[in-house]
Amino acid sequence: MPAFQTLGLIAKQGDPERVRGTLVRLRDHLRACAIEVRLEAESAHLLDAPIGEALTLDQLGASCDLIVVVGGDGTLLHAARVMARHDVPLLGINLGRLGFLVDVSPEHIESALERILAGEFESDRRSMLDAQVVTEQGAGDPEAALNDVTIHKWGTARMIELEIWIDGVFVSAQRSDGLIVSTPTGSTAYALSGGGPLVDPALEAILLVPICPHDLSNRPLVVPGGRSIEVRVRGPEQGHVQVTCDGQTDLRLPPDAWVRIVRHPHTAHLIHPKGHDHYQILRAKLHWGGHNVRRTPPC
C-alpha cells in the first residue's frame, strides 16, 4: 500500500505553460498509481478541471495526507503557512530559481514519486515564527512565517530608528533600513543578503539581521528559538514602517504600535527523497567548491 493515499496539488502562478506540463505529468502518474488527486484553484484552472472541483488550501490540508507543490520556494512558503496547522507534509517540485526548499527537479518527478510512495523519503521539521502587531489596547491576529519577518521602512528614503527587546530585556537601538527576524530556514533567504549567518535548519534558533545599519557595530545576532522578540519604532518615522512575513504578507505598523515575534506553535513538515543532503544543496546553489581530487600521484 502506498505511504500516501490522497495527494493535493498546489501550482505556482504566473508561468502557465511550464507549470501545466508538469501538472499533467504529475496527475497522470499519480492516477496510474491509484492515488486520489485533489486540486487547489490554480492547478484546477491549469488542468481544466470541472467547475467546483477546486479546493481551498485549508480544505486540501483537511483532506490530503501529502501536498505536492509545483513551483519555487515562494509557492512552498505560501502553502507551508497554511499546512502547518494541519500537520500535512509538503514535497516541492522545483520550477523556480534557487530552490532551497523545493528540491525535486522536473526531470525526476516519476522516479522520485515512486520512491516516496513506497515509503523511501526523509522527514524534515522546520520551525516557524508568529508575528503580531501590538498596541496598548491589545494584540492583533498572529501571522505565520517560515522564512522571516521583516520590519522595514516604506514611503520614505530615511533610515528608521528601532529598539530591540528580547524576553522583556532591552538589547539595542539601531538606525537602519530595517530588521530581518529569521528562522534557520530563512537564513538562506533575505537574511543571507543582509550578511546573516547560514544556520542549519535543524537548530532551534532565531536570527536578528539588521538591514543596512548606520552603525557598523550592529551585527547579526542569533538567539535561542524560544525567545520572544519585540521591535519598537522610535523617532519621526513612526507610521512609515511595515511588517512583512515571508515577503508575501504585509502588516501595517501604526504609530505607537510595536511588533512581537515568537516561535509558531506548529512546524512546517517537509519531505525529501531518500539521500537528501542539505549541505550538497548549499554547495550547488551557492557555488561552493567541492572536493579537490588529485588526478596524478604526488611526487
C-alpha atoms as a PDB file:
ATOM      1  CA  MET A   1       0.000   0.000   0.000  1.00  0.00           C
ATOM      2  CA  PRO A   2       1.388   3.452  -0.864  1.00  0.00           C
ATOM      3  CA  ALA A   3       2.641   5.593   2.032  1.00  0.00           C
ATOM      4  CA  PHE A   4       0.184   8.308   0.939  1.00  0.00           C
ATOM      5  CA  GLN A   5      -3.339   7.769  -0.399  1.00  0.00           C
ATOM      6  CA  THR A   6      -4.635  11.294  -1.155  1.00  0.00           C
ATOM      7  CA  LEU A   7      -2.388  13.966  -2.651  1.00  0.00           C
ATOM      8  CA  GLY A   8      -3.119  17.642  -3.130  1.00  0.00           C
ATOM      9  CA  LEU A   9      -1.505  19.661  -5.922  1.00  0.00           C
ATOM     10  CA  ILE A  10      -0.627  23.339  -5.477  1.00  0.00           C
ATOM     11  CA  ALA A  11       0.674  25.219  -8.512  1.00  0.00           C
ATOM     12  CA  LYS A  12       2.797  28.309  -8.999  1.00  0.00           C
ATOM     13  CA  GLN A  13       1.060  31.271 -10.571  1.00  0.00           C
ATOM     14  CA  GLY A  14       2.434  33.280 -13.495  1.00  0.00           C
ATOM     15  CA  ASP A  15       4.126  30.580 -15.621  1.00  0.00           C
ATOM     16  CA  PRO A  16       1.170  28.643 -17.056  1.00  0.00           C
ATOM     17  CA  GLU A  17       2.727  26.683 -19.913  1.00  0.00           C
ATOM     18  CA  ARG A  18       5.648  25.296 -17.939  1.00  0.00           C
ATOM     19  CA  VAL A  19       3.546  24.562 -14.874  1.00  0.00           C
ATOM     20  CA  ARG A  20       0.720  22.957 -16.883  1.00  0.00           C
ATOM     21  CA  GLY A  21       3.042  20.392 -18.459  1.00  0.00           C
ATOM     22  CA  THR A  22       4.442  19.397 -15.064  1.00  0.00           C
ATOM     23  CA  LEU A  23       0.958  19.171 -13.533  1.00  0.00           C
ATOM     24  CA  VAL A  24      -0.272  16.904 -16.327  1.00  0.00           C
ATOM     25  CA  ARG A  25       2.662  14.542 -15.801  1.00  0.00           C
ATOM     26  CA  LEU A  26       2.045  14.521 -12.052  1.00  0.00           C
ATOM     27  CA  ARG A  27      -1.681  13.911 -12.316  1.00  0.00           C
ATOM     28  CA  ASP A  28      -1.336  11.131 -14.875  1.00  0.00           C
ATOM     29  CA  HIS A  29       1.414   9.377 -12.922  1.00  0.00           C
ATOM     30  CA  LEU A  30      -0.482   9.572  -9.642  1.00  0.00           C
ATOM     31  CA  ARG A  31      -3.674   8.258 -11.199  1.00  0.00           C
ATOM     32  CA  ALA A  32      -1.719   5.380 -12.710  1.00  0.00           C
ATOM     33  CA  CYS A  33      -0.570   4.594  -9.161  1.00  0.00           C
ATOM     34  CA  ALA A  34      -4.209   4.637  -7.945  1.00  0.00           C
ATOM     35  CA  ILE A  35      -3.616   7.770  -5.863  1.00  0.00           C
ATOM     36  CA  GLU A  36      -6.514  10.180  -5.373  1.00  0.00           C
ATOM     37  CA  VAL A  37      -5.597  13.677  -6.576  1.00  0.00           C
ATOM     38  CA  ARG A  38      -7.146  16.896  -5.284  1.00  0.00           C
ATOM     39  CA  LEU A  39      -6.513  20.387  -6.625  1.00  0.00           C
ATOM     40  CA  GLU A  40      -6.362  23.972  -5.427  1.00  0.00           C
ATOM     41  CA  ALA A  41      -7.618  26.813  -7.611  1.00  0.00           C
ATOM     42  CA  GLU A  42      -4.555  27.408  -9.816  1.00  0.00           C
ATOM     43  CA  SER A  43      -3.846  23.739 -10.504  1.00  0.00           C
ATOM     44  CA  ALA A  44      -7.546  23.122 -11.203  1.00  0.00           C
ATOM     45  CA  HIS A  45      -7.547  26.012 -13.688  1.00  0.00           C
ATOM     46  CA  LEU A  46      -4.401  24.799 -15.474  1.00  0.00           C
ATOM     47  CA  LEU A  47      -5.731  21.235 -15.674  1.00  0.00           C
ATOM     48  CA  ASP A  48      -9.159  22.369 -16.944  1.00  0.00           C
ATOM     49  CA  ALA A  49     -10.849  20.621 -14.032  1.00  0.00           C
ATOM     50  CA  PRO A  50     -14.659  20.758 -13.767  1.00  0.00           C
ATOM     51  CA  ILE A  51     -16.146  23.781 -12.007  1.00  0.00           C
ATOM     52  CA  GLY A  52     -16.415  23.141  -8.292  1.00  0.00           C
ATOM     53  CA  GLU A  53     -13.502  20.703  -8.131  1.00  0.00           C
ATOM     54  CA  ALA A  54     -11.026  23.299  -6.815  1.00  0.00           C
ATOM     55  CA  LEU A  55     -10.490  23.310  -3.051  1.00  0.00           C
ATOM     56  CA  THR A  56      -9.171  25.968  -0.728  1.00  0.00           C
ATOM     57  CA  LEU A  57      -5.790  25.392   0.901  1.00  0.00           C
ATOM     58  CA  ASP A  58      -7.488  24.650   4.220  1.00  0.00           C
ATOM     59  CA  GLN A  59      -9.729  22.097   2.529  1.00  0.00           C
ATOM     60  CA  LEU A  60      -6.665  20.464   0.978  1.00  0.00           C
ATOM     61  CA  GLY A  61      -4.967  20.375   4.368  1.00  0.00           C
ATOM     62  CA  ALA A  62      -8.003  18.747   5.969  1.00  0.00           C
ATOM     63  CA  SER A  63      -8.451  16.078   3.283  1.00  0.00           C
ATOM     64  CA  CYS A  64      -4.952  15.190   1.985  1.00  0.00           C
ATOM     65  CA  ASP A  65      -2.072  13.291   3.545  1.00  0.00           C
ATOM     66  CA  LEU A  66       0.579  14.828   1.248  1.00  0.00           C
ATOM     67  CA  ILE A  67       0.784  18.131  -0.617  1.00  0.00           C
ATOM     68  CA  VAL A  68       2.913  18.396  -3.767  1.00  0.00           C
ATOM     69  CA  VAL A  69       3.926  21.967  -4.577  1.00  0.00           C
ATOM     70  CA  VAL A  70       4.812  22.736  -8.212  1.00  0.00           C
ATOM     71  CA  GLY A  71       6.775  25.973  -8.380  1.00  0.00           C
ATOM     72  CA  GLY A  72       9.521  27.664  -6.417  1.00  0.00           C
ATOM     73  CA  ASP A  73      10.287  28.366  -2.790  1.00  0.00           C
ATOM     74  CA  GLY A  74       7.750  31.207  -2.751  1.00  0.00           C
ATOM     75  CA  THR A  75       4.916  28.833  -3.664  1.00  0.00           C
ATOM     76  CA  LEU A  76       6.003  26.398  -0.972  1.00  0.00           C
ATOM     77  CA  LEU A  77       6.261  29.164   1.646  1.00  0.00           C
ATOM     78  CA  HIS A  78       2.669  30.169   0.899  1.00  0.00           C
ATOM     79  CA  ALA A  79       1.483  26.569   1.226  1.00  0.00           C
ATOM     80  CA  ALA A  80       3.539  25.835   4.345  1.00  0.00           C
ATOM     81  CA  ARG A  81       1.999  28.677   6.337  1.00  0.00           C
ATOM     82  CA  VAL A  82      -1.432  27.069   5.869  1.00  0.00           C
ATOM     83  CA  MET A  83      -0.455  23.398   6.053  1.00  0.00           C
ATOM     84  CA  ALA A  84       1.458  23.753   9.334  1.00  0.00           C
ATOM     85  CA  ARG A  85      -1.773  23.820  11.348  1.00  0.00           C
ATOM     86  CA  HIS A  86      -2.940  20.650   9.580  1.00  0.00           C
ATOM     87  CA  ASP A  87       0.440  18.902  10.022  1.00  0.00           C
ATOM     88  CA  VAL A  88       0.372  17.806   6.382  1.00  0.00           C
ATOM     89  CA  PRO A  89       3.790  17.169   4.780  1.00  0.00           C
ATOM     90  CA  LEU A  90       4.875  19.023   1.646  1.00  0.00           C
ATOM     91  CA  LEU A  91       7.004  17.891  -1.277  1.00  0.00           C
ATOM     92  CA  GLY A  92       8.369  20.514  -3.666  1.00  0.00           C
ATOM     93  CA  ILE A  93       8.867  20.219  -7.447  1.00  0.00           C
ATOM     94  CA  ASN A  94      11.337  22.953  -8.399  1.00  0.00           C
ATOM     95  CA  LEU A  95      10.204  25.227 -11.225  1.00  0.00           C
ATOM     96  CA  GLY A  96      11.706  28.320  -9.614  1.00  0.00           C
ATOM     97  CA  ARG A  97      15.223  29.719  -9.430  1.00  0.00           C
ATOM     98  CA  LEU A  98      17.353  28.803  -6.398  1.00  0.00           C
ATOM     99  CA  GLY A  99      15.029  26.259  -4.794  1.00  0.00           C
ATOM    100  CA  PHE A 100      16.418  25.645  -1.293  1.00  0.00           C
ATOM    101  CA  LEU A 101      13.071  24.147  -0.189  1.00  0.00           C
ATOM    102  CA  VAL A 102      11.717  22.589  -3.403  1.00  0.00           C
ATOM    103  CA  ASP A 103      14.337  20.008  -4.227  1.00  0.00           C
ATOM    104  CA  VAL A 104      12.824  17.582  -6.772  1.00  0.00           C
ATOM    105  CA  SER A 105      13.723  18.501 -10.351  1.00  0.00           C
ATOM    106  CA  PRO A 106      11.027  18.136 -13.047  1.00  0.00           C
ATOM    107  CA  GLU A 107      13.156  15.535 -14.861  1.00  0.00           C
ATOM    108  CA  HIS A 108      12.919  13.190 -11.861  1.00  0.00           C
ATOM    109  CA  ILE A 109       9.240  13.551 -10.952  1.00  0.00           C
ATOM    110  CA  GLU A 110       8.138   9.990 -11.681  1.00  0.00           C
ATOM    111  CA  SER A 111      11.123   8.229 -10.122  1.00  0.00           C
ATOM    112  CA  ALA A 112      11.091  10.466  -7.034  1.00  0.00           C
ATOM    113  CA  LEU A 113       7.351   9.967  -6.506  1.00  0.00           C
ATOM    114  CA  GLU A 114       7.618   6.195  -6.850  1.00  0.00           C
ATOM    115  CA  ARG A 115      10.244   6.053  -4.098  1.00  0.00           C
ATOM    116  CA  ILE A 116       8.289   8.419  -1.849  1.00  0.00           C
ATOM    117  CA  LEU A 117       5.034   6.481  -2.313  1.00  0.00           C
ATOM    118  CA  ALA A 118       6.993   3.353  -1.401  1.00  0.00           C
ATOM    119  CA  GLY A 119       7.964   5.000   1.892  1.00  0.00           C
ATOM    120  CA  GLU A 120      11.517   5.888   0.861  1.00  0.00           C
ATOM    121  CA  PHE A 121      11.753   9.503   1.985  1.00  0.00           C
ATOM    122  CA  GLU A 122      13.202  11.693   4.713  1.00  0.00           C
ATOM    123  CA  SER A 123      11.047  13.792   7.011  1.00  0.00           C
ATOM    124  CA  ASP A 124      12.141  17.320   7.871  1.00  0.00           C
ATOM    125  CA  ARG A 125      10.545  19.547  10.531  1.00  0.00           C
ATOM    126  CA  ARG A 126      11.181  23.298  10.203  1.00  0.00           C
ATOM    127  CA  SER A 127      10.485  25.870  12.920  1.00  0.00           C
ATOM    128  CA  MET A 128       8.291  28.855  12.076  1.00  0.00           C
ATOM    129  CA  LEU A 129       7.553  32.285  13.515  1.00  0.00           C
ATOM    130  CA  ASP A 130       4.431  34.178  14.544  1.00  0.00           C
ATOM    131  CA  ALA A 131       4.309  37.977  14.206  1.00  0.00           C
ATOM    132  CA  GLN A 132       1.759  40.201  15.933  1.00  0.00           C
ATOM    133  CA  VAL A 133       1.246  43.944  15.817  1.00  0.00           C
ATOM    134  CA  VAL A 134       0.716  45.085  19.415  1.00  0.00           C
ATOM    135  CA  THR A 135      -0.757  48.313  20.818  1.00  0.00           C
ATOM    136  CA  GLU A 136      -1.699  49.436  24.313  1.00  0.00           C
ATOM    137  CA  GLN A 137      -5.221  48.187  23.519  1.00  0.00           C
ATOM    138  CA  GLY A 138      -4.088  44.632  22.702  1.00  0.00           C
ATOM    139  CA  ALA A 139      -2.540  42.418  20.031  1.00  0.00           C
ATOM    140  CA  GLY A 140      -3.699  41.711  16.503  1.00  0.00           C
ATOM    141  CA  ASP A 141      -4.044  38.285  14.927  1.00  0.00           C
ATOM    142  CA  PRO A 142      -0.715  36.460  14.516  1.00  0.00           C
ATOM    143  CA  GLU A 143       0.717  35.987  11.023  1.00  0.00           C
ATOM    144  CA  ALA A 144       2.909  32.966  10.339  1.00  0.00           C
ATOM    145  CA  ALA A 145       6.293  32.936   8.616  1.00  0.00           C
ATOM    146  CA  LEU A 146       8.525  30.039   7.623  1.00  0.00           C
ATOM    147  CA  ASN A 147      11.448  32.156   6.386  1.00  0.00           C
ATOM    148  CA  ASP A 148      11.367  35.530   8.076  1.00  0.00           C
ATOM    149  CA  VAL A 149       9.554  38.512   9.495  1.00  0.00           C
ATOM    150  CA  THR A 150      10.946  41.812   8.203  1.00  0.00           C
ATOM    151  CA  ILE A 151      10.397  45.185   9.835  1.00  0.00           C
ATOM    152  CA  HIS A 152      11.193  47.739   7.144  1.00  0.00           C
ATOM    153  CA  LYS A 153      10.544  51.294   6.016  1.00  0.00           C
ATOM    154  CA  TRP A 154       8.095  52.251   3.297  1.00  0.00           C
ATOM    155  CA  GLY A 155       7.313  55.559   1.648  1.00  0.00           C
ATOM    156  CA  THR A 156      10.465  57.246   2.966  1.00  0.00           C
ATOM    157  CA  ALA A 157      14.116  57.463   1.957  1.00  0.00           C
ATOM    158  CA  ARG A 158      15.241  57.944   5.565  1.00  0.00           C
ATOM    159  CA  MET A 159      16.538  55.365   7.976  1.00  0.00           C
ATOM    160  CA  ILE A 160      14.264  54.255  10.789  1.00  0.00           C
ATOM    161  CA  GLU A 161      15.096  54.012  14.480  1.00  0.00           C
ATOM    162  CA  LEU A 162      14.404  50.651  16.095  1.00  0.00           C
ATOM    163  CA  GLU A 163      14.645  49.271  19.621  1.00  0.00           C
ATOM    164  CA  ILE A 164      15.076  45.527  20.109  1.00  0.00           C
ATOM    165  CA  TRP A 165      13.857  43.769  23.243  1.00  0.00           C
ATOM    166  CA  ILE A 166      14.294  40.045  23.974  1.00  0.00           C
ATOM    167  CA  ASP A 167      12.142  38.424  26.686  1.00  0.00           C
ATOM    168  CA  GLY A 168      11.383  41.888  28.025  1.00  0.00           C
ATOM    169  CA  VAL A 169      15.055  42.865  28.299  1.00  0.00           C
ATOM    170  CA  PHE A 170      16.361  45.809  26.272  1.00  0.00           C
ATOM    171  CA  VAL A 171      19.098  44.661  23.854  1.00  0.00           C
ATOM    172  CA  SER A 172      19.949  47.504  21.482  1.00  0.00           C
ATOM    173  CA  ALA A 173      18.824  50.521  19.497  1.00  0.00           C
ATOM    174  CA  GLN A 174      19.747  50.992  15.868  1.00  0.00           C
ATOM    175  CA  ARG A 175      19.279  53.289  12.932  1.00  0.00           C
ATOM    176  CA  SER A 176      18.925  51.249   9.765  1.00  0.00           C
ATOM    177  CA  ASP A 177      16.661  50.409   6.853  1.00  0.00           C
ATOM    178  CA  GLY A 178      15.027  47.716   8.961  1.00  0.00           C
ATOM    179  CA  LEU A 179      15.479  44.366  10.679  1.00  0.00           C
ATOM    180  CA  ILE A 180      15.090  40.779   9.463  1.00  0.00           C
ATOM    181  CA  VAL A 181      13.964  38.286  12.128  1.00  0.00           C
ATOM    182  CA  SER A 182      14.600  34.904  10.580  1.00  0.00           C
ATOM    183  CA  THR A 183      14.280  31.185  11.196  1.00  0.00           C
ATOM    184  CA  PRO A 184      17.204  28.891  10.350  1.00  0.00           C
ATOM    185  CA  THR A 185      15.280  28.021   7.167  1.00  0.00           C
ATOM    186  CA  GLY A 186      15.236  31.715   6.261  1.00  0.00           C
ATOM    187  CA  SER A 187      18.990  32.037   6.759  1.00  0.00           C
ATOM    188  CA  THR A 188      19.394  31.231   3.036  1.00  0.00           C
ATOM    189  CA  ALA A 189      16.856  33.910   2.034  1.00  0.00           C
ATOM    190  CA  TYR A 190      16.700  37.672   2.729  1.00  0.00           C
ATOM    191  CA  ALA A 191      18.847  37.294   5.859  1.00  0.00           C
ATOM    192  CA  LEU A 192      21.696  35.946   3.735  1.00  0.00           C
ATOM    193  CA  SER A 193      21.727  39.063   1.539  1.00  0.00           C
ATOM    194  CA  GLY A 194      21.819  41.138   4.741  1.00  0.00           C
ATOM    195  CA  GLY A 195      25.056  39.470   5.831  1.00  0.00           C
ATOM    196  CA  GLY A 196      23.483  36.984   8.232  1.00  0.00           C
ATOM    197  CA  PRO A 197      24.967  33.563   9.000  1.00  0.00           C
ATOM    198  CA  LEU A 198      23.905  30.306   7.427  1.00  0.00           C
ATOM    199  CA  VAL A 199      22.239  28.236  10.146  1.00  0.00           C
ATOM    200  CA  ASP A 200      21.485  24.524   9.988  1.00  0.00           C
ATOM    201  CA  PRO A 201      17.677  24.210   9.730  1.00  0.00           C
ATOM    202  CA  ALA A 202      17.626  21.566  12.465  1.00  0.00           C
ATOM    203  CA  LEU A 203      18.662  24.173  15.062  1.00  0.00           C
ATOM    204  CA  GLU A 204      16.074  25.861  17.281  1.00  0.00           C
ATOM    205  CA  ALA A 205      17.211  29.452  16.814  1.00  0.00           C
ATOM    206  CA  ILE A 206      16.083  32.920  15.758  1.00  0.00           C
ATOM    207  CA  LEU A 207      18.308  35.256  13.755  1.00  0.00           C
ATOM    208  CA  LEU A 208      18.187  39.043  14.004  1.00  0.00           C
ATOM    209  CA  VAL A 209      19.842  40.634  10.968  1.00  0.00           C
ATOM    210  CA  PRO A 210      19.912  44.440  10.550  1.00  0.00           C
ATOM    211  CA  ILE A 211      19.319  45.878   7.077  1.00  0.00           C
ATOM    212  CA  CYS A 212      21.983  48.449   6.149  1.00  0.00           C
ATOM    213  CA  PRO A 213      22.680  49.657   9.715  1.00  0.00           C
ATOM    214  CA  HIS A 214      24.248  53.085  10.086  1.00  0.00           C
ATOM    215  CA  ASP A 215      26.494  51.836  12.906  1.00  0.00           C
ATOM    216  CA  LEU A 216      28.660  49.019  11.557  1.00  0.00           C
ATOM    217  CA  SER A 217      28.915  47.519  15.050  1.00  0.00           C
ATOM    218  CA  ASN A 218      25.264  46.423  14.700  1.00  0.00           C
ATOM    219  CA  ARG A 219      25.933  42.834  13.692  1.00  0.00           C
ATOM    220  CA  PRO A 220      23.618  39.843  13.196  1.00  0.00           C
ATOM    221  CA  LEU A 221      22.553  38.160  16.425  1.00  0.00           C
ATOM    222  CA  VAL A 222      21.461  34.541  16.955  1.00  0.00           C
ATOM    223  CA  VAL A 223      19.300  33.688  19.975  1.00  0.00           C
ATOM    224  CA  PRO A 224      17.513  30.527  21.195  1.00  0.00           C
ATOM    225  CA  GLY A 225      14.311  29.698  19.347  1.00  0.00           C
ATOM    226  CA  GLY A 226      12.069  30.074  22.391  1.00  0.00           C
ATOM    227  CA  ARG A 227      12.807  33.763  22.894  1.00  0.00           C
ATOM    228  CA  SER A 228      10.177  36.495  22.477  1.00  0.00           C
ATOM    229  CA  ILE A 229      11.380  39.345  20.264  1.00  0.00           C
ATOM    230  CA  GLU A 230       9.839  42.805  20.402  1.00  0.00           C
ATOM    231  CA  VAL A 231      10.777  45.566  17.963  1.00  0.00           C
ATOM    232  CA  ARG A 232       9.675  49.149  18.649  1.00  0.00           C
ATOM    233  CA  VAL A 233       9.942  52.084  16.259  1.00  0.00           C
ATOM    234  CA  ARG A 234      11.176  55.387  17.644  1.00  0.00           C
ATOM    235  CA  GLY A 235      11.570  58.856  16.175  1.00  0.00           C
ATOM    236  CA  PRO A 236       9.785  60.721  13.395  1.00  0.00           C
ATOM    237  CA  GLU A 237       9.477  57.722  11.043  1.00  0.00           C
ATOM    238  CA  GLN A 238       6.723  56.085  13.092  1.00  0.00           C
ATOM    239  CA  GLY A 239       3.882  55.379  10.708  1.00  0.00           C
ATOM    240  CA  HIS A 240       6.336  54.745   7.860  1.00  0.00           C
ATOM    241  CA  VAL A 241       7.177  51.187   8.897  1.00  0.00           C
ATOM    242  CA  GLN A 242       5.719  47.927   7.638  1.00  0.00           C
ATOM    243  CA  VAL A 243       5.992  44.293   8.757  1.00  0.00           C
ATOM    244  CA  THR A 244       6.258  41.634   6.043  1.00  0.00           C
ATOM    245  CA  CYS A 245       6.091  37.863   6.579  1.00  0.00           C
ATOM    246  CA  ASP A 246       7.976  35.693   4.064  1.00  0.00           C
ATOM    247  CA  GLY A 247       7.964  38.598   1.619  1.00  0.00           C
ATOM    248  CA  GLN A 248       4.279  37.884   0.954  1.00  0.00           C
ATOM    249  CA  THR A 249       2.024  39.060   3.806  1.00  0.00           C
ATOM    250  CA  ASP A 250       2.117  42.731   4.870  1.00  0.00           C
ATOM    251  CA  LEU A 251       1.091  44.240   8.194  1.00  0.00           C
ATOM    252  CA  ARG A 252       0.914  47.993   8.757  1.00  0.00           C
ATOM    253  CA  LEU A 253       2.599  49.193  11.927  1.00  0.00           C
ATOM    254  CA  PRO A 254       0.691  52.270  13.182  1.00  0.00           C
ATOM    255  CA  PRO A 255       2.397  54.952  15.302  1.00  0.00           C
ATOM    256  CA  ASP A 256       2.995  53.807  18.914  1.00  0.00           C
ATOM    257  CA  ALA A 257       2.498  50.146  17.950  1.00  0.00           C
ATOM    258  CA  TRP A 258       5.219  47.530  18.068  1.00  0.00           C
ATOM    259  CA  VAL A 259       5.733  44.027  16.699  1.00  0.00           C
ATOM    260  CA  ARG A 260       6.106  40.879  18.778  1.00  0.00           C
ATOM    261  CA  ILE A 261       7.704  37.797  17.194  1.00  0.00           C
ATOM    262  CA  VAL A 262       7.684  34.362  18.814  1.00  0.00           C
ATOM    263  CA  ARG A 263       8.073  30.758  17.742  1.00  0.00           C
ATOM    264  CA  HIS A 264       4.999  29.415  15.943  1.00  0.00           C
ATOM    265  CA  PRO A 265       3.201  26.623  17.850  1.00  0.00           C
ATOM    266  CA  HIS A 266       3.438  24.328  14.801  1.00  0.00           C
ATOM    267  CA  THR A 267       6.236  23.335  12.458  1.00  0.00           C
ATOM    268  CA  ALA A 268       6.362  23.086   8.691  1.00  0.00           C
ATOM    269  CA  HIS A 269       6.652  19.432   7.695  1.00  0.00           C
ATOM    270  CA  LEU A 270       8.727  18.868   4.555  1.00  0.00           C
ATOM    271  CA  ILE A 271       9.653  15.574   2.976  1.00  0.00           C
ATOM    272  CA  HIS A 272      12.586  14.891   0.670  1.00  0.00           C
ATOM    273  CA  PRO A 273      13.703  11.962  -1.452  1.00  0.00           C
ATOM    274  CA  LYS A 274      15.949   9.483   0.355  1.00  0.00           C
ATOM    275  CA  GLY A 275      19.526  10.727   0.495  1.00  0.00           C
ATOM    276  CA  HIS A 276      18.613  14.398   0.845  1.00  0.00           C
ATOM    277  CA  ASP A 277      21.735  16.388   1.759  1.00  0.00           C
ATOM    278  CA  HIS A 278      21.243  19.978   2.944  1.00  0.00           C
ATOM    279  CA  TYR A 279      24.927  20.788   2.529  1.00  0.00           C
ATOM    280  CA  GLN A 280      25.024  19.449  -1.014  1.00  0.00           C
ATOM    281  CA  ILE A 281      22.179  21.866  -1.813  1.00  0.00           C
ATOM    282  CA  LEU A 282      24.197  24.723  -0.286  1.00  0.00           C
ATOM    283  CA  ARG A 283      27.219  23.754  -2.364  1.00  0.00           C
ATOM    284  CA  ALA A 284      25.170  23.641  -5.560  1.00  0.00           C
ATOM    285  CA  LYS A 285      23.097  26.787  -5.012  1.00  0.00           C
ATOM    286  CA  LEU A 286      25.861  28.959  -3.553  1.00  0.00           C
ATOM    287  CA  HIS A 287      28.609  27.621  -5.845  1.00  0.00           C
ATOM    288  CA  TRP A 288      30.842  26.451  -3.049  1.00  0.00           C
ATOM    289  CA  GLY A 289      33.893  24.415  -4.031  1.00  0.00           C
ATOM    290  CA  GLY A 290      33.779  20.644  -3.921  1.00  0.00           C
ATOM    291  CA  HIS A 291      36.468  18.146  -3.102  1.00  0.00           C
ATOM    292  CA  ASN A 292      39.909  18.737  -4.576  1.00  0.00           C
ATOM    293  CA  VAL A 293      40.675  15.426  -6.252  1.00  0.00           C
ATOM    294  CA  ARG A 294      44.267  14.693  -7.191  1.00  0.00           C
ATOM    295  CA  ARG A 295      44.395  13.335 -10.728  1.00  0.00           C
ATOM    296  CA  THR A 296      48.064  12.327 -10.578  1.00  0.00           C
ATOM    297  CA  PRO A 297      50.030  10.847  -7.668  1.00  0.00           C
ATOM    298  CA  PRO A 298      52.118  13.389  -5.738  1.00  0.00           C
ATOM    299  CA  CYS A 299      55.836  13.463  -6.454  1.00  0.00           C
END
